[in-house]
Structure formats: structure tokens, C-alpha cells
Amino acid sequence: KDMALQAIAYGSVYVARVALGADPQQTLRAFREAEAYPGPSLIIAYSHCIAHGYDLRNGLDQQYKAVHCGHWPLMRYNPVLADEGRNPFLLDSPKPDETWREYTKLELRYRMLQK
């Protein structure tokens, strides 16, 4: 289930998907907007963990790769923009420039599926 899309469906919730290792400025912007929003806010952050099966010293690099292969799109949904007649959905991710296959080779949880 996509928690971000479920929250966006309400139309009155500020929603952001962030990854500090991929774009620290977008993460900071999302936190500032969420704090300023006069209603409920939800920030979903990519969080690396030991169960992903790679050296956690590389966690921020792995976040970067997750975003740059399209696995973890960075986005913000700000209902205030809709009130101003603008598009409330902001896709902050760049066009994927790495392959998903290369990204999944680095994580044990995906390598296990290849067998």
C-alpha cells in the first residue's frame, strides 16, 4: 500500500516523500512546508536498515541510488497550492539515470528473490 497516495486522497493533508541521502535540500524544504501547513502533515522518509543487507555506512549512498533509479520518488503534495489555483503535486525526483536492476543488486532483500 502507498501511504502517500492514501493521504493525498484526503485532499487536506500535506504529504512528502523524502530521502536525505538523495536530496538534503528537498528534505529540508518538505519539513519546513509541513511545519508551516495549518493542517495534518505526513512525511515519509526512506530509512535504511540492517535488514536491507548492505553495509549501513553506505546508507545515504543507497538512498541516492533508490531515488535515481526511480524506486523511491521524491514528492510533495501541498494543499495550499491548490487553494491558490496551482498544482498541489510536486515531483522533486530527477528523471531516473540508473537502472533498477543495478540498485537491487546491492540489497540482499532483492538478491534473495533472484534465486
PDB file of N, CA and C in Angstrom:
ATOM      1  N   LYS A   1       0.825  -1.167   0.000  1.00  0.00           N
ATOM      2  CA  LYS A   1       0.000   0.000   0.000  1.00  0.00           C
ATOM      3  C   LYS A   1       0.877   1.239   0.000  1.00  0.00           C
ATOM      4  N   ASP A   2       0.427   2.254  -0.682  1.00  0.00           N
ATOM      5  CA  ASP A   2       1.165   3.500  -0.774  1.00  0.00           C
ATOM      6  C   ASP A   2       0.557   4.515   0.186  1.00  0.00           C
ATOM      7  N   MET A   3       1.195   4.689   1.337  1.00  0.00           N
ATOM      8  CA  MET A   3       0.662   5.593   2.351  1.00  0.00           C
ATOM      9  C   MET A   3       0.563   7.024   1.840  1.00  0.00           C
ATOM     10  N   ALA A   4       1.515   7.434   1.022  1.00  0.00           N
ATOM     11  CA  ALA A   4       1.493   8.802   0.498  1.00  0.00           C
ATOM     12  C   ALA A   4       0.243   9.029  -0.349  1.00  0.00           C
ATOM     13  N   LEU A   5      -0.038   8.116  -1.254  1.00  0.00           N
ATOM     14  CA  LEU A   5      -1.220   8.270  -2.114  1.00  0.00           C
ATOM     15  C   LEU A   5      -2.508   8.199  -1.311  1.00  0.00           C
ATOM     16  N   GLN A   6      -2.531   7.369  -0.294  1.00  0.00           N
ATOM     17  CA  GLN A   6      -3.726   7.287   0.551  1.00  0.00           C
ATOM     18  C   GLN A   6      -3.961   8.611   1.272  1.00  0.00           C
ATOM     19  N   ALA A   7      -2.912   9.226   1.785  1.00  0.00           N
ATOM     20  CA  ALA A   7      -3.059  10.505   2.479  1.00  0.00           C
ATOM     21  C   ALA A   7      -3.418  11.621   1.504  1.00  0.00           C
ATOM     22  N   ILE A   8      -2.839  11.598   0.312  1.00  0.00           N
ATOM     23  CA  ILE A   8      -3.154  12.600  -0.709  1.00  0.00           C
ATOM     24  C   ILE A   8      -4.623  12.546  -1.084  1.00  0.00           C
ATOM     25  N   ALA A   9      -5.188  11.354  -1.089  1.00  0.00           N
ATOM     26  CA  ALA A   9      -6.595  11.190  -1.473  1.00  0.00           C
ATOM     27  C   ALA A   9      -7.541  11.993  -0.577  1.00  0.00           C
ATOM     28  N   TYR A  10      -7.126  12.271   0.648  1.00  0.00           N
ATOM     29  CA  TYR A  10      -7.955  13.093   1.534  1.00  0.00           C
ATOM     30  C   TYR A  10      -8.051  14.530   1.024  1.00  0.00           C
ATOM     31  N   GLY A  11      -7.010  14.989   0.351  1.00  0.00           N
ATOM     32  CA  GLY A  11      -7.012  16.327  -0.214  1.00  0.00           C
ATOM     33  C   GLY A  11      -6.651  17.433   0.755  1.00  0.00           C
ATOM     34  N   SER A  12      -6.611  17.139   2.031  1.00  0.00           N
ATOM     35  CA  SER A  12      -6.347  18.192   3.018  1.00  0.00           C
ATOM     36  C   SER A  12      -5.141  17.882   3.900  1.00  0.00           C
ATOM     37  N   VAL A  13      -4.292  16.976   3.446  1.00  0.00           N
ATOM     38  CA  VAL A  13      -3.112  16.574   4.211  1.00  0.00           C
ATOM     39  C   VAL A  13      -1.872  16.959   3.418  1.00  0.00           C
ATOM     40  N   TYR A  14      -0.927  17.607   4.073  1.00  0.00           N
ATOM     41  CA  TYR A  14       0.367  17.861   3.442  1.00  0.00           C
ATOM     42  C   TYR A  14       1.134  16.541   3.467  1.00  0.00           C
ATOM     43  N   VAL A  15       1.659  16.131   2.322  1.00  0.00           N
ATOM     44  CA  VAL A  15       2.358  14.847   2.221  1.00  0.00           C
ATOM     45  C   VAL A  15       3.688  15.054   1.500  1.00  0.00           C
ATOM     46  N   ALA A  16       4.732  14.438   2.011  1.00  0.00           N
ATOM     47  CA  ALA A  16       6.032  14.475   1.342  1.00  0.00           C
ATOM     48  C   ALA A  16       6.697  13.115   1.451  1.00  0.00           C
ATOM     49  N   ARG A  17       7.430  12.779   0.413  1.00  0.00           N
ATOM     50  CA  ARG A  17       8.281  11.584   0.429  1.00  0.00           C
ATOM     51  C   ARG A  17       9.704  12.093   0.239  1.00  0.00           C
ATOM     52  N   VAL A  18      10.583  11.778   1.191  1.00  0.00           N
ATOM     53  CA  VAL A  18      11.934  12.338   1.188  1.00  0.00           C
ATOM     54  C   VAL A  18      12.987  11.251   1.345  1.00  0.00           C
ATOM     55  N   ALA A  19      14.217  11.609   0.985  1.00  0.00           N
ATOM     56  CA  ALA A  19      15.388  10.752   1.202  1.00  0.00           C
ATOM     57  C   ALA A  19      16.574  11.688   1.386  1.00  0.00           C
ATOM     58  N   LEU A  20      17.038  11.816   2.610  1.00  0.00           N
ATOM     59  CA  LEU A  20      18.103  12.747   2.941  1.00  0.00           C
ATOM     60  C   LEU A  20      19.355  12.506   2.102  1.00  0.00           C
ATOM     61  N   GLY A  21      19.687  11.259   1.852  1.00  0.00           N
ATOM     62  CA  GLY A  21      20.881  10.939   1.084  1.00  0.00           C
ATOM     63  C   GLY A  21      20.776  11.295  -0.382  1.00  0.00           C
ATOM     64  N   ALA A  22      19.565  11.458  -0.873  1.00  0.00           N
ATOM     65  CA  ALA A  22      19.369  11.787  -2.286  1.00  0.00           C
ATOM     66  C   ALA A  22      19.293  13.283  -2.513  1.00  0.00           C
ATOM     67  N   ASP A  23      18.605  13.999  -1.620  1.00  0.00           N
ATOM     68  CA  ASP A  23      18.410  15.432  -1.808  1.00  0.00           C
ATOM     69  C   ASP A  23      18.146  16.100  -0.461  1.00  0.00           C
ATOM     70  N   PRO A  24      19.204  16.529   0.238  1.00  0.00           N
ATOM     71  CA  PRO A  24      19.020  17.147   1.549  1.00  0.00           C
ATOM     72  C   PRO A  24      18.169  18.420   1.499  1.00  0.00           C
ATOM     73  N   GLN A  25      18.291  19.189   0.430  1.00  0.00           N
ATOM     74  CA  GLN A  25      17.514  20.430   0.317  1.00  0.00           C
ATOM     75  C   GLN A  25      16.024  20.141   0.186  1.00  0.00           C
ATOM     76  N   GLN A  26      15.662  19.121  -0.576  1.00  0.00           N
ATOM     77  CA  GLN A  26      14.254  18.752  -0.711  1.00  0.00           C
ATOM     78  C   GLN A  26      13.708  18.272   0.616  1.00  0.00           C
ATOM     79  N   THR A  27      14.525  17.541   1.371  1.00  0.00           N
ATOM     80  CA  THR A  27      14.109  17.064   2.692  1.00  0.00           C
ATOM     81  C   THR A  27      13.840  18.241   3.624  1.00  0.00           C
ATOM     82  N   LEU A  28      14.748  19.186   3.658  1.00  0.00           N
ATOM     83  CA  LEU A  28      14.582  20.365   4.499  1.00  0.00           C
ATOM     84  C   LEU A  28      13.355  21.179   4.077  1.00  0.00           C
ATOM     85  N   ARG A  29      13.175  21.363   2.776  1.00  0.00           N
ATOM     86  CA  ARG A  29      12.007  22.089   2.256  1.00  0.00           C
ATOM     87  C   ARG A  29      10.711  21.410   2.696  1.00  0.00           C
ATOM     88  N   ALA A  30      10.674  20.087   2.610  1.00  0.00           N
ATOM     89  CA  ALA A  30       9.473  19.345   2.996  1.00  0.00           C
ATOM     90  C   ALA A  30       9.171  19.523   4.488  1.00  0.00           C
ATOM     91  N   PHE A  31      10.197  19.465   5.321  1.00  0.00           N
ATOM     92  CA  PHE A  31       9.977  19.656   6.759  1.00  0.00           C
ATOM     93  C   PHE A  31       9.470  21.060   7.062  1.00  0.00           C
ATOM     94  N   ARG A  32      10.035  22.045   6.391  1.00  0.00           N
ATOM     95  CA  ARG A  32       9.591  23.427   6.621  1.00  0.00           C
ATOM     96  C   ARG A  32       8.146  23.628   6.156  1.00  0.00           C
ATOM     97  N   GLU A  33       7.813  23.090   4.993  1.00  0.00           N
ATOM     98  CA  GLU A  33       6.442  23.227   4.492  1.00  0.00           C
ATOM     99  C   GLU A  33       5.455  22.487   5.387  1.00  0.00           C
ATOM    100  N   ALA A  34       5.835  21.299   5.837  1.00  0.00           N
ATOM    101  CA  ALA A  34       4.951  20.520   6.710  1.00  0.00           C
ATOM    102  C   ALA A  34       4.705  21.258   8.024  1.00  0.00           C
ATOM    103  N   GLU A  35       5.750  21.871   8.550  1.00  0.00           N
ATOM    104  CA  GLU A  35       5.599  22.611   9.802  1.00  0.00           C
ATOM    105  C   GLU A  35       4.702  23.838   9.615  1.00  0.00           C
ATOM    106  N   ALA A  36       4.790  24.490   8.470  1.00  0.00           N
ATOM    107  CA  ALA A  36       4.012  25.697   8.206  1.00  0.00           C
ATOM    108  C   ALA A  36       2.566  25.392   7.825  1.00  0.00           C
ATOM    109  N   TYR A  37       2.302  24.167   7.374  1.00  0.00           N
ATOM    110  CA  TYR A  37       0.957  23.819   6.918  1.00  0.00           C
ATOM    111  C   TYR A  37      -0.016  23.835   8.101  1.00  0.00           C
ATOM    112  N   PRO A  38      -1.200  24.459   7.946  1.00  0.00           N
ATOM    113  CA  PRO A  38      -2.128  24.590   9.072  1.00  0.00           C
ATOM    114  C   PRO A  38      -2.957  23.346   9.391  1.00  0.00           C
ATOM    115  N   GLY A  39      -2.714  22.256   8.730  1.00  0.00           N
ATOM    116  CA  GLY A  39      -3.462  21.022   8.988  1.00  0.00           C
ATOM    117  C   GLY A  39      -2.510  19.868   9.243  1.00  0.00           C
ATOM    118  N   PRO A  40      -3.014  18.649   9.094  1.00  0.00           N
ATOM    119  CA  PRO A  40      -2.150  17.482   9.320  1.00  0.00           C
ATOM    120  C   PRO A  40      -1.089  17.347   8.226  1.00  0.00           C
ATOM    121  N   SER A  41       0.075  16.869   8.619  1.00  0.00           N
ATOM    122  CA  SER A  41       1.192  16.664   7.694  1.00  0.00           C
ATOM    123  C   SER A  41       1.752  15.267   7.883  1.00  0.00           C
ATOM    124  N   LEU A  42       2.192  14.676   6.778  1.00  0.00           N
ATOM    125  CA  LEU A  42       2.799  13.351   6.800  1.00  0.00           C
ATOM    126  C   LEU A  42       4.067  13.401   5.960  1.00  0.00           C
ATOM    127  N   ILE A  43       5.203  13.072   6.569  1.00  0.00           N
ATOM    128  CA  ILE A  43       6.464  12.973   5.843  1.00  0.00           C
ATOM    129  C   ILE A  43       6.915  11.527   5.921  1.00  0.00           C
ATOM    130  N   ILE A  44       7.120  10.929   4.774  1.00  0.00           N
ATOM    131  CA  ILE A  44       7.569   9.535   4.701  1.00  0.00           C
ATOM    132  C   ILE A  44       9.018   9.563   4.218  1.00  0.00           C
ATOM    133  N   ALA A  45       9.914   9.105   5.052  1.00  0.00           N
ATOM    134  CA  ALA A  45      11.343   9.167   4.741  1.00  0.00           C
ATOM    135  C   ALA A  45      11.896   7.781   4.455  1.00  0.00           C
ATOM    136  N   TYR A  46      12.748   7.704   3.444  1.00  0.00           N
ATOM    137  CA  TYR A  46      13.463   6.460   3.167  1.00  0.00           C
ATOM    138  C   TYR A  46      14.439   6.239   4.314  1.00  0.00           C
ATOM    139  N   SER A  47      14.300   5.133   4.982  1.00  0.00           N
ATOM    140  CA  SER A  47      15.157   4.817   6.118  1.00  0.00           C
ATOM    141  C   SER A  47      15.855   3.490   5.864  1.00  0.00           C
ATOM    142  N   HIS A  48      17.160   3.551   5.721  1.00  0.00           N
ATOM    143  CA  HIS A  48      17.901   2.310   5.512  1.00  0.00           C
ATOM    144  C   HIS A  48      17.976   1.539   6.822  1.00  0.00           C
ATOM    145  N   CYS A  49      18.069   0.227   6.687  1.00  0.00           N
ATOM    146  CA  CYS A  49      18.162  -0.599   7.892  1.00  0.00           C
ATOM    147  C   CYS A  49      18.991  -1.842   7.595  1.00  0.00           C
ATOM    148  N   ILE A  50      19.402  -2.492   8.639  1.00  0.00           N
ATOM    149  CA  ILE A  50      20.282  -3.655   8.521  1.00  0.00           C
ATOM    150  C   ILE A  50      19.621  -4.793   7.733  1.00  0.00           C
ATOM    151  N   ALA A  51      18.304  -4.870   7.753  1.00  0.00           N
ATOM    152  CA  ALA A  51      17.595  -5.938   7.046  1.00  0.00           C
ATOM    153  C   ALA A  51      17.693  -5.798   5.530  1.00  0.00           C
ATOM    154  N   HIS A  52      18.114  -4.629   5.047  1.00  0.00           N
ATOM    155  CA  HIS A  52      18.260  -4.451   3.597  1.00  0.00           C
ATOM    156  C   HIS A  52      19.486  -5.196   3.073  1.00  0.00           C
ATOM    157  N   GLY A  53      20.394  -5.541   3.970  1.00  0.00           N
ATOM    158  CA  GLY A  53      21.502  -6.408   3.590  1.00  0.00           C
ATOM    159  C   GLY A  53      22.680  -5.713   2.934  1.00  0.00           C
ATOM    160  N   TYR A  54      23.003  -4.500   3.370  1.00  0.00           N
ATOM    161  CA  TYR A  54      24.222  -3.851   2.898  1.00  0.00           C
ATOM    162  C   TYR A  54      24.857  -3.107   4.071  1.00  0.00           C
ATOM    163  N   ASP A  55      26.093  -2.711   3.914  1.00  0.00           N
ATOM    164  CA  ASP A  55      26.816  -2.010   4.977  1.00  0.00           C
ATOM    165  C   ASP A  55      26.134  -0.666   5.226  1.00  0.00           C
ATOM    166  N   LEU A  56      25.668  -0.442   6.442  1.00  0.00           N
ATOM    167  CA  LEU A  56      24.912   0.767   6.748  1.00  0.00           C
ATOM    168  C   LEU A  56      25.729   2.041   6.628  1.00  0.00           C
ATOM    169  N   ARG A  57      27.047   1.917   6.559  1.00  0.00           N
ATOM    170  CA  ARG A  57      27.875   3.101   6.295  1.00  0.00           C
ATOM    171  C   ARG A  57      27.563   3.671   4.916  1.00  0.00           C
ATOM    172  N   ASN A  58      26.994   2.844   4.054  1.00  0.00           N
ATOM    173  CA  ASN A  58      26.640   3.267   2.697  1.00  0.00           C
ATOM    174  C   ASN A  58      25.168   3.649   2.578  1.00  0.00           C
ATOM    175  N   GLY A  59      24.503   3.835   3.697  1.00  0.00           N
ATOM    176  CA  GLY A  59      23.060   4.085   3.694  1.00  0.00           C
ATOM    177  C   GLY A  59      22.636   5.296   2.895  1.00  0.00           C
ATOM    178  N   LEU A  60      23.344   6.418   3.040  1.00  0.00           N
ATOM    179  CA  LEU A  60      22.957   7.614   2.299  1.00  0.00           C
ATOM    180  C   LEU A  60      23.199   7.428   0.799  1.00  0.00           C
ATOM    181  N   ASP A  61      24.262   6.721   0.448  1.00  0.00           N
ATOM    182  CA  ASP A  61      24.517   6.424  -0.971  1.00  0.00           C
ATOM    183  C   ASP A  61      23.405   5.549  -1.534  1.00  0.00           C
ATOM    184  N   GLN A  62      22.945   4.599  -0.737  1.00  0.00           N
ATOM    185  CA  GLN A  62      21.873   3.713  -1.191  1.00  0.00           C
ATOM    186  C   GLN A  62      20.563   4.493  -1.364  1.00  0.00           C
ATOM    187  N   GLN A  63      20.320   5.468  -0.505  1.00  0.00           N
ATOM    188  CA  GLN A  63      19.141   6.322  -0.673  1.00  0.00           C
ATOM    189  C   GLN A  63      19.230   7.074  -1.999  1.00  0.00           C
ATOM    190  N   TYR A  64      20.394   7.602  -2.299  1.00  0.00           N
ATOM    191  CA  TYR A  64      20.614   8.304  -3.563  1.00  0.00           C
ATOM    192  C   TYR A  64      20.293   7.385  -4.740  1.00  0.00           C
ATOM    193  N   LYS A  65      20.789   6.160  -4.677  1.00  0.00           N
ATOM    194  CA  LYS A  65      20.560   5.204  -5.760  1.00  0.00           C
ATOM    195  C   LYS A  65      19.090   4.826  -5.877  1.00  0.00           C
ATOM    196  N   ALA A  66      18.402   4.711  -4.743  1.00  0.00           N
ATOM    197  CA  ALA A  66      16.973   4.378  -4.761  1.00  0.00           C
ATOM    198  C   ALA A  66      16.176   5.463  -5.473  1.00  0.00           C
ATOM    199  N   VAL A  67      16.540   6.698  -5.249  1.00  0.00           N
ATOM    200  CA  VAL A  67      15.851   7.808  -5.922  1.00  0.00           C
ATOM    201  C   VAL A  67      16.227   7.861  -7.395  1.00  0.00           C
ATOM    202  N   HIS A  68      17.506   7.694  -7.687  1.00  0.00           N
ATOM    203  CA  HIS A  68      17.973   7.866  -9.062  1.00  0.00           C
ATOM    204  C   HIS A  68      17.665   6.695  -9.981  1.00  0.00           C
ATOM    205  N   CYS A  69      17.120   5.612  -9.445  1.00  0.00           N
ATOM    206  CA  CYS A  69      16.654   4.523 -10.316  1.00  0.00           C
ATOM    207  C   CYS A  69      15.124   4.540 -10.406  1.00  0.00           C
ATOM    208  N   GLY A  70      14.475   5.435  -9.659  1.00  0.00           N
ATOM    209  CA  GLY A  70      13.020   5.526  -9.700  1.00  0.00           C
ATOM    210  C   GLY A  70      12.306   4.699  -8.657  1.00  0.00           C
ATOM    211  N   HIS A  71      13.041   3.987  -7.819  1.00  0.00           N
ATOM    212  CA  HIS A  71      12.426   3.142  -6.793  1.00  0.00           C
ATOM    213  C   HIS A  71      11.749   3.974  -5.703  1.00  0.00           C
ATOM    214  N   TRP A  72      12.317   5.112  -5.348  1.00  0.00           N
ATOM    215  CA  TRP A  72      11.796   5.964  -4.277  1.00  0.00           C
ATOM    216  C   TRP A  72      11.647   7.384  -4.824  1.00  0.00           C
ATOM    217  N   PRO A  73      10.527   7.699  -5.442  1.00  0.00           N
ATOM    218  CA  PRO A  73      10.351   9.053  -5.989  1.00  0.00           C
ATOM    219  C   PRO A  73      10.157  10.093  -4.885  1.00  0.00           C
ATOM    220  N   LEU A  74      10.877  11.186  -5.005  1.00  0.00           N
ATOM    221  CA  LEU A  74      10.729  12.295  -4.074  1.00  0.00           C
ATOM    222  C   LEU A  74       9.558  13.148  -4.538  1.00  0.00           C
ATOM    223  N   MET A  75       8.650  13.462  -3.602  1.00  0.00           N
ATOM    224  CA  MET A  75       7.488  14.268  -3.984  1.00  0.00           C
ATOM    225  C   MET A  75       6.965  15.039  -2.796  1.00  0.00           C
ATOM    226  N   ARG A  76       6.181  16.068  -3.111  1.00  0.00           N
ATOM    227  CA  ARG A  76       5.472  16.832  -2.087  1.00  0.00           C
ATOM    228  C   ARG A  76       4.063  17.112  -2.595  1.00  0.00           C
ATOM    229  N   TYR A  77       3.101  17.046  -1.714  1.00  0.00           N
ATOM    230  CA  TYR A  77       1.714  17.408  -2.023  1.00  0.00           C
ATOM    231  C   TYR A  77       1.313  18.465  -1.006  1.00  0.00           C
ATOM    232  N   ASN A  78       1.087  19.679  -1.502  1.00  0.00           N
ATOM    233  CA  ASN A  78       0.777  20.794  -0.630  1.00  0.00           C
ATOM    234  C   ASN A  78      -0.598  21.367  -0.981  1.00  0.00           C
ATOM    235  N   PRO A  79      -1.625  21.083  -0.190  1.00  0.00           N
ATOM    236  CA  PRO A  79      -2.976  21.564  -0.479  1.00  0.00           C
ATOM    237  C   PRO A  79      -3.096  23.083  -0.559  1.00  0.00           C
ATOM    238  N   VAL A  80      -2.187  23.815   0.061  1.00  0.00           N
ATOM    239  CA  VAL A  80      -2.211  25.282  -0.017  1.00  0.00           C
ATOM    240  C   VAL A  80      -2.071  25.732  -1.474  1.00  0.00           C
ATOM    241  N   LEU A  81      -1.273  25.023  -2.243  1.00  0.00           N
ATOM    242  CA  LEU A  81      -1.089  25.374  -3.651  1.00  0.00           C
ATOM    243  C   LEU A  81      -2.391  25.225  -4.430  1.00  0.00           C
ATOM    244  N   ALA A  82      -3.180  24.215  -4.098  1.00  0.00           N
ATOM    245  CA  ALA A  82      -4.481  24.027  -4.765  1.00  0.00           C
ATOM    246  C   ALA A  82      -5.398  25.201  -4.454  1.00  0.00           C
ATOM    247  N   ASP A  83      -5.353  25.695  -3.227  1.00  0.00           N
ATOM    248  CA  ASP A  83      -6.168  26.855  -2.841  1.00  0.00           C
ATOM    249  C   ASP A  83      -5.773  28.095  -3.641  1.00  0.00           C
ATOM    250  N   GLU A  84      -4.520  28.137  -4.082  1.00  0.00           N
ATOM    251  CA  GLU A  84      -4.026  29.257  -4.889  1.00  0.00           C
ATOM    252  C   GLU A  84      -4.226  29.023  -6.386  1.00  0.00           C
ATOM    253  N   GLY A  85      -4.875  27.915  -6.750  1.00  0.00           N
ATOM    254  CA  GLY A  85      -5.109  27.585  -8.154  1.00  0.00           C
ATOM    255  C   GLY A  85      -3.926  26.946  -8.853  1.00  0.00           C
ATOM    256  N   ARG A  86      -2.954  26.490  -8.089  1.00  0.00           N
ATOM    257  CA  ARG A  86      -1.768  25.844  -8.656  1.00  0.00           C
ATOM    258  C   ARG A  86      -1.842  24.346  -8.416  1.00  0.00           C
ATOM    259  N   ASN A  87      -1.002  23.606  -9.121  1.00  0.00           N
ATOM    260  CA  ASN A  87      -0.949  22.155  -8.961  1.00  0.00           C
ATOM    261  C   ASN A  87      -0.340  21.831  -7.598  1.00  0.00           C
ATOM    262  N   PRO A  88      -1.056  21.110  -6.719  1.00  0.00           N
ATOM    263  CA  PRO A  88      -0.522  20.809  -5.385  1.00  0.00           C
ATOM    264  C   PRO A  88       0.522  19.699  -5.379  1.00  0.00           C
ATOM    265  N   PHE A  89       0.636  18.934  -6.475  1.00  0.00           N
ATOM    266  CA  PHE A  89       1.569  17.812  -6.526  1.00  0.00           C
ATOM    267  C   PHE A  89       2.878  18.267  -7.150  1.00  0.00           C
ATOM    268  N   LEU A  90       3.970  18.077  -6.424  1.00  0.00           N
ATOM    269  CA  LEU A  90       5.288  18.465  -6.897  1.00  0.00           C
ATOM    270  C   LEU A  90       6.198  17.242  -6.899  1.00  0.00           C
ATOM    271  N   LEU A  91       6.621  16.826  -8.080  1.00  0.00           N
ATOM    272  CA  LEU A  91       7.551  15.701  -8.209  1.00  0.00           C
ATOM    273  C   LEU A  91       8.962  16.271  -8.184  1.00  0.00           C
ATOM    274  N   ASP A  92       9.703  15.954  -7.147  1.00  0.00           N
ATOM    275  CA  ASP A  92      11.046  16.512  -6.960  1.00  0.00           C
ATOM    276  C   ASP A  92      12.154  15.600  -7.468  1.00  0.00           C
ATOM    277  N   SER A  93      11.839  14.401  -7.863  1.00  0.00           N
ATOM    278  CA  SER A  93      12.848  13.457  -8.335  1.00  0.00           C
ATOM    279  C   SER A  93      13.328  13.827  -9.727  1.00  0.00           C
ATOM    280  N   PRO A  94      14.596  13.577  -9.976  1.00  0.00           N
ATOM    281  CA  PRO A  94      15.080  13.721 -11.345  1.00  0.00           C
ATOM    282  C   PRO A  94      14.624  12.520 -12.176  1.00  0.00           C
ATOM    283  N   LYS A  95      14.752  12.649 -13.475  1.00  0.00           N
ATOM    284  CA  LYS A  95      14.488  11.505 -14.353  1.00  0.00           C
ATOM    285  C   LYS A  95      15.482  10.399 -13.980  1.00  0.00           C
ATOM    286  N   PRO A  96      15.013   9.146 -13.868  1.00  0.00           N
ATOM    287  CA  PRO A  96      15.935   8.066 -13.486  1.00  0.00           C
ATOM    288  C   PRO A  96      17.141   7.995 -14.418  1.00  0.00           C
ATOM    289  N   ASP A  97      18.322   7.894 -13.810  1.00  0.00           N
ATOM    290  CA  ASP A  97      19.556   7.794 -14.595  1.00  0.00           C
ATOM    291  C   ASP A  97      20.376   6.556 -14.217  1.00  0.00           C
ATOM    292  N   GLU A  98      19.804   5.730 -13.367  1.00  0.00           N
ATOM    293  CA  GLU A  98      20.402   4.442 -13.018  1.00  0.00           C
ATOM    294  C   GLU A  98      19.341   3.373 -13.215  1.00  0.00           C
ATOM    295  N   THR A  99      19.767   2.136 -13.412  1.00  0.00           N
ATOM    296  CA  THR A  99      18.781   1.078 -13.615  1.00  0.00           C
ATOM    297  C   THR A  99      18.351   0.490 -12.275  1.00  0.00           C
ATOM    298  N   TRP A 100      17.123   0.050 -12.249  1.00  0.00           N
ATOM    299  CA  TRP A 100      16.584  -0.586 -11.060  1.00  0.00           C
ATOM    300  C   TRP A 100      17.355  -1.868 -10.774  1.00  0.00           C
ATOM    301  N   ARG A 101      17.727  -2.571 -11.805  1.00  0.00           N
ATOM    302  CA  ARG A 101      18.467  -3.824 -11.645  1.00  0.00           C
ATOM    303  C   ARG A 101      19.797  -3.596 -10.925  1.00  0.00           C
ATOM    304  N   GLU A 102      20.506  -2.542 -11.280  1.00  0.00           N
ATOM    305  CA  GLU A 102      21.773  -2.239 -10.604  1.00  0.00           C
ATOM    306  C   GLU A 102      21.541  -1.893  -9.135  1.00  0.00           C
ATOM    307  N   TYR A 103      20.473  -1.157  -8.861  1.00  0.00           N
ATOM    308  CA  TYR A 103      20.130  -0.808  -7.475  1.00  0.00           C
ATOM    309  C   TYR A 103      19.829  -2.061  -6.661  1.00  0.00           C
ATOM    310  N   THR A 104      19.033  -2.973  -7.207  1.00  0.00           N
ATOM    311  CA  THR A 104      18.625  -4.153  -6.442  1.00  0.00           C
ATOM    312  C   THR A 104      19.775  -5.136  -6.219  1.00  0.00           C
ATOM    313  N   LYS A 105      20.784  -5.108  -7.058  1.00  0.00           N
ATOM    314  CA  LYS A 105      21.944  -5.984  -6.850  1.00  0.00           C
ATOM    315  C   LYS A 105      22.672  -5.663  -5.547  1.00  0.00           C
ATOM    316  N   LEU A 106      22.489  -4.453  -5.050  1.00  0.00           N
ATOM    317  CA  LEU A 106      23.201  -4.021  -3.852  1.00  0.00           C
ATOM    318  C   LEU A 106      22.499  -4.395  -2.559  1.00  0.00           C
ATOM    319  N   GLU A 107      21.252  -4.861  -2.643  1.00  0.00           N
ATOM    320  CA  GLU A 107      20.484  -5.159  -1.434  1.00  0.00           C
ATOM    321  C   GLU A 107      20.137  -6.644  -1.360  1.00  0.00           C
ATOM    322  N   LEU A 108      20.452  -7.243  -0.218  1.00  0.00           N
ATOM    323  CA  LEU A 108      20.211  -8.663  -0.004  1.00  0.00           C
ATOM    324  C   LEU A 108      18.736  -9.019  -0.174  1.00  0.00           C
ATOM    325  N   ARG A 109      17.833  -8.151   0.297  1.00  0.00           N
ATOM    326  CA  ARG A 109      16.406  -8.460   0.221  1.00  0.00           C
ATOM    327  C   ARG A 109      15.947  -8.666  -1.225  1.00  0.00           C
ATOM    328  N   TYR A 110      16.592  -8.038  -2.185  1.00  0.00           N
ATOM    329  CA  TYR A 110      16.246  -8.249  -3.598  1.00  0.00           C
ATOM    330  C   TYR A 110      17.063  -9.380  -4.222  1.00  0.00           C
ATOM    331  N   ARG A 111      18.312  -9.509  -3.819  1.00  0.00           N
ATOM    332  CA  ARG A 111      19.143 -10.602  -4.352  1.00  0.00           C
ATOM    333  C   ARG A 111      18.550 -11.947  -4.001  1.00  0.00           C
ATOM    334  N   MET A 112      17.908 -12.065  -2.837  1.00  0.00           N
ATOM    335  CA  MET A 112      17.293 -13.329  -2.429  1.00  0.00           C
ATOM    336  C   MET A 112      16.174 -13.733  -3.398  1.00  0.00           C
ATOM    337  N   LEU A 113      15.517 -12.777  -4.008  1.00  0.00           N
ATOM    338  CA  LEU A 113      14.429 -13.074  -4.938  1.00  0.00           C
ATOM    339  C   LEU A 113      14.922 -13.599  -6.276  1.00  0.00           C
ATOM    340  N   GLN A 114      16.172 -13.360  -6.602  1.00  0.00           N
ATOM    341  CA  GLN A 114      16.727 -13.792  -7.869  1.00  0.00           C
ATOM    342  C   GLN A 114      17.012 -15.290  -7.900  1.00  0.00           C
ATOM    343  N   LYS A 115      17.062 -15.912  -6.745  1.00  0.00           N
ATOM    344  CA  LYS A 115      17.411 -17.349  -6.693  1.00  0.00           C
ATOM    345  C   LYS A 115      16.219 -18.215  -6.906  1.00  0.00           C
TER     346      LYS A 115
END
